[in-house]
Amino acid sequence: MPSPEKDIKLQEQVKSLYEIMQEEKVEELEIKSPDLKLHIRRKGHNAVRHVIQAAGAGSNDSAFQAEQAFSEQKNPVITGFTKKSPITGMFYRAPSPASPMFVKEGDVVDAGKTLCIVEAMKVMNEIKATEKMKIVNILVENGKPVERDQDLFIIEKL
């Protein structure tokens, strides 16, 4: 029977693999060995399905605990309206590291307000609100790369 320490270690390893998949934009990963079968599939950028099967007794507990660890991650399933990136580049929440952020979660902004900057080929492209909206959730970390049409913000139209 697997020990709680092994279960925690497995959870950490799977979480680490998933984070690498996110960074490298890998949609599906499958690993098979005599004592472990692991299948991770990312759907879109935010919803995830996991199947983990460890050999031996207690494998269902391990699979449940690993899946539960993933469900606690900060990757929300997107519902409602989103603001997407019009271009591929680097996402910045402020004009400079020392400046305040353009918007925070919960902010209500008017049309024309700058939400973020996406840097592409050394050009700073301001992404602006096209209508009055509330910023419900910010989906991208500051300084991380984004793809064209990637969701940046979950918004509520006002």
Protein backbone atom coordinates (compact mmCIF):
# COMPACT_ATOMS: atom_id res chain seq x y z
CA MET A 1 0.00 0.00 0.00
CA PRO A 2 1.46 3.42 -0.96
CA SER A 3 2.44 5.64 1.93
CA PRO A 4 1.07 9.16 2.39
CA GLU A 5 4.56 10.51 1.63
CA LYS A 6 4.56 8.71 -1.75
CA ASP A 7 1.06 10.05 -2.50
CA ILE A 8 2.19 13.61 -1.78
CA LYS A 9 5.32 13.15 -3.86
CA LEU A 10 3.23 11.80 -6.75
CA GLN A 11 0.87 14.77 -6.49
CA GLU A 12 3.81 17.19 -6.58
CA GLN A 13 5.37 15.43 -9.59
CA VAL A 14 2.09 15.45 -11.53
CA LYS A 15 1.50 19.10 -10.68
CA SER A 16 5.02 19.92 -11.87
CA LEU A 17 4.40 18.05 -15.15
CA TYR A 18 1.15 19.94 -15.63
CA GLU A 19 2.85 23.31 -15.07
CA ILE A 20 5.48 22.41 -17.68
CA MET A 21 2.67 21.42 -20.06
CA GLN A 22 1.10 24.85 -19.55
CA GLU A 23 4.38 26.70 -20.15
CA GLU A 24 5.21 24.69 -23.27
CA LYS A 25 1.58 24.66 -24.49
CA VAL A 26 1.44 20.85 -24.57
CA GLU A 27 -2.18 19.70 -24.70
CA GLU A 28 -1.76 16.00 -23.82
CA LEU A 29 0.81 13.82 -22.04
CA GLU A 30 0.81 10.09 -21.40
CA ILE A 31 3.38 8.15 -19.38
CA LYS A 32 3.30 4.38 -18.94
CA SER A 33 5.62 2.28 -16.80
CA PRO A 34 5.22 -1.05 -14.98
CA ASP A 35 4.14 0.70 -11.77
CA LEU A 36 2.47 3.88 -13.08
CA LYS A 37 0.09 4.97 -15.79
CA LEU A 38 -0.41 8.73 -16.14
CA HIS A 39 -2.56 10.54 -18.68
CA ILE A 40 -3.06 14.33 -18.53
CA ARG A 41 -5.11 16.19 -21.11
CA ARG A 42 -5.56 19.96 -21.10
CA LYS A 43 -8.76 21.15 -22.73
CA GLY A 44 -8.41 24.73 -23.91
CA HIS A 45 -6.16 26.71 -21.63
CA ASN A 46 -8.06 26.31 -18.40
CA ALA A 47 -10.03 23.09 -18.07
CA VAL A 48 -8.21 19.87 -17.27
CA ARG A 49 -8.99 16.16 -17.21
CA HIS A 50 -6.62 13.78 -15.42
CA VAL A 51 -6.39 10.04 -15.17
CA ILE A 52 -3.80 8.58 -12.82
CA GLN A 53 -3.45 4.92 -12.00
CA ALA A 54 -0.76 3.71 -9.64
CA ALA A 55 -0.05 0.00 -9.42
CA GLY A 56 -0.91 -1.85 -6.23
CA ALA A 57 -3.39 -1.28 -3.45
CA GLY A 58 -4.60 2.21 -2.64
CA SER A 59 -4.25 3.41 -6.24
CA ASN A 60 -7.76 4.85 -6.26
CA ASP A 61 -6.89 7.02 -3.25
CA SER A 62 -3.75 8.26 -5.02
CA ALA A 63 -5.69 9.08 -8.17
CA PHE A 64 -8.38 10.88 -6.20
CA GLN A 65 -5.86 12.91 -4.18
CA ALA A 66 -3.85 13.90 -7.27
CA GLU A 67 -7.01 14.92 -9.12
CA GLN A 68 -8.16 16.90 -6.09
CA ALA A 69 -4.79 18.72 -5.99
CA PHE A 70 -5.31 19.81 -9.60
CA SER A 71 -8.85 21.00 -8.98
CA GLU A 72 -7.46 23.34 -6.33
CA GLN A 73 -5.17 25.07 -8.85
CA LYS A 74 -5.80 28.62 -9.99
CA ASN A 75 -7.02 27.56 -13.43
CA PRO A 76 -10.68 28.56 -13.55
CA VAL A 77 -13.05 27.15 -16.11
CA ILE A 78 -13.99 30.19 -18.17
CA THR A 79 -17.64 31.14 -18.16
CA GLY A 80 -19.05 34.43 -19.41
CA PHE A 81 -17.18 37.05 -21.37
CA THR A 82 -13.43 37.30 -21.85
CA LYS A 83 -11.01 39.89 -23.19
CA LYS A 84 -8.58 38.22 -25.60
CA SER A 85 -5.12 39.18 -26.78
CA PRO A 86 -5.20 40.52 -30.34
CA ILE A 87 -1.52 39.58 -30.87
CA THR A 88 1.22 37.23 -29.70
CA GLY A 89 3.73 38.75 -27.28
CA MET A 90 4.66 39.33 -23.65
CA PHE A 91 1.88 40.31 -21.22
CA TYR A 92 2.49 43.22 -18.83
CA ARG A 93 0.05 44.48 -16.19
CA ALA A 94 1.84 47.83 -15.74
CA PRO A 95 3.78 50.27 -17.94
CA SER A 96 6.98 49.58 -15.93
CA PRO A 97 8.00 47.44 -12.95
CA ALA A 98 7.82 50.45 -10.61
CA SER A 99 4.43 51.68 -11.89
CA PRO A 100 1.03 50.71 -10.51
CA MET A 101 -0.91 48.04 -12.41
CA PHE A 102 -3.41 49.19 -15.02
CA VAL A 103 -6.25 47.15 -13.48
CA LYS A 104 -6.88 44.78 -10.59
CA GLU A 105 -9.53 42.10 -10.15
CA GLY A 106 -12.79 43.76 -9.17
CA ASP A 107 -12.03 47.08 -10.94
CA VAL A 108 -14.78 48.69 -13.00
CA VAL A 109 -13.34 50.43 -16.07
CA ASP A 110 -14.78 52.62 -18.81
CA ALA A 111 -14.32 52.12 -22.54
CA GLY A 112 -10.86 53.28 -23.64
CA LYS A 113 -9.10 52.43 -20.34
CA THR A 114 -5.82 50.54 -20.80
CA LEU A 115 -6.08 47.04 -19.33
CA CYS A 116 -2.57 45.77 -20.08
CA ILE A 117 0.31 45.90 -22.55
CA VAL A 118 1.30 43.12 -24.94
CA GLU A 119 4.86 43.63 -26.17
CA ALA A 120 5.54 42.31 -29.66
CA MET A 121 8.86 42.90 -31.43
CA LYS A 122 9.81 45.67 -28.96
CA VAL A 123 6.53 47.50 -29.64
CA MET A 124 4.32 48.12 -26.59
CA ASN A 125 0.70 47.52 -27.65
CA GLU A 126 -1.89 48.83 -25.21
CA ILE A 127 -4.93 46.58 -24.87
CA LYS A 128 -7.91 48.78 -24.03
CA ALA A 129 -11.43 48.20 -22.81
CA THR A 130 -13.90 48.41 -25.68
CA GLU A 131 -16.86 49.07 -23.35
CA LYS A 132 -17.61 49.62 -19.67
CA MET A 133 -16.72 46.41 -17.83
CA LYS A 134 -15.77 44.85 -14.52
CA ILE A 135 -12.53 42.84 -14.32
CA VAL A 136 -13.64 39.56 -12.73
CA ASN A 137 -10.39 37.59 -13.09
CA ILE A 138 -6.93 38.12 -14.58
CA LEU A 139 -5.88 34.90 -16.30
CA VAL A 140 -2.24 35.64 -17.21
CA GLU A 141 0.76 36.23 -14.98
CA ASN A 142 2.72 39.44 -15.44
CA GLY A 143 5.70 39.00 -17.75
CA LYS A 144 4.45 35.75 -19.31
CA PRO A 145 4.05 35.12 -23.05
CA VAL A 146 0.57 35.12 -24.58
CA GLU A 147 -0.75 33.86 -27.90
CA ARG A 148 -3.09 35.62 -30.27
CA ASP A 149 -6.74 35.03 -29.20
CA GLN A 150 -5.65 33.80 -25.74
CA ASP A 151 -8.01 34.83 -22.93
CA LEU A 152 -6.42 37.54 -20.78
CA PHE A 153 -9.30 38.62 -18.55
CA ILE A 154 -12.69 37.33 -17.50
CA ILE A 155 -14.98 40.34 -17.63
CA GLU A 156 -18.52 41.31 -16.80
CA LYS A 157 -20.07 43.72 -19.28
CA LEU A 158 -21.81 46.66 -17.61
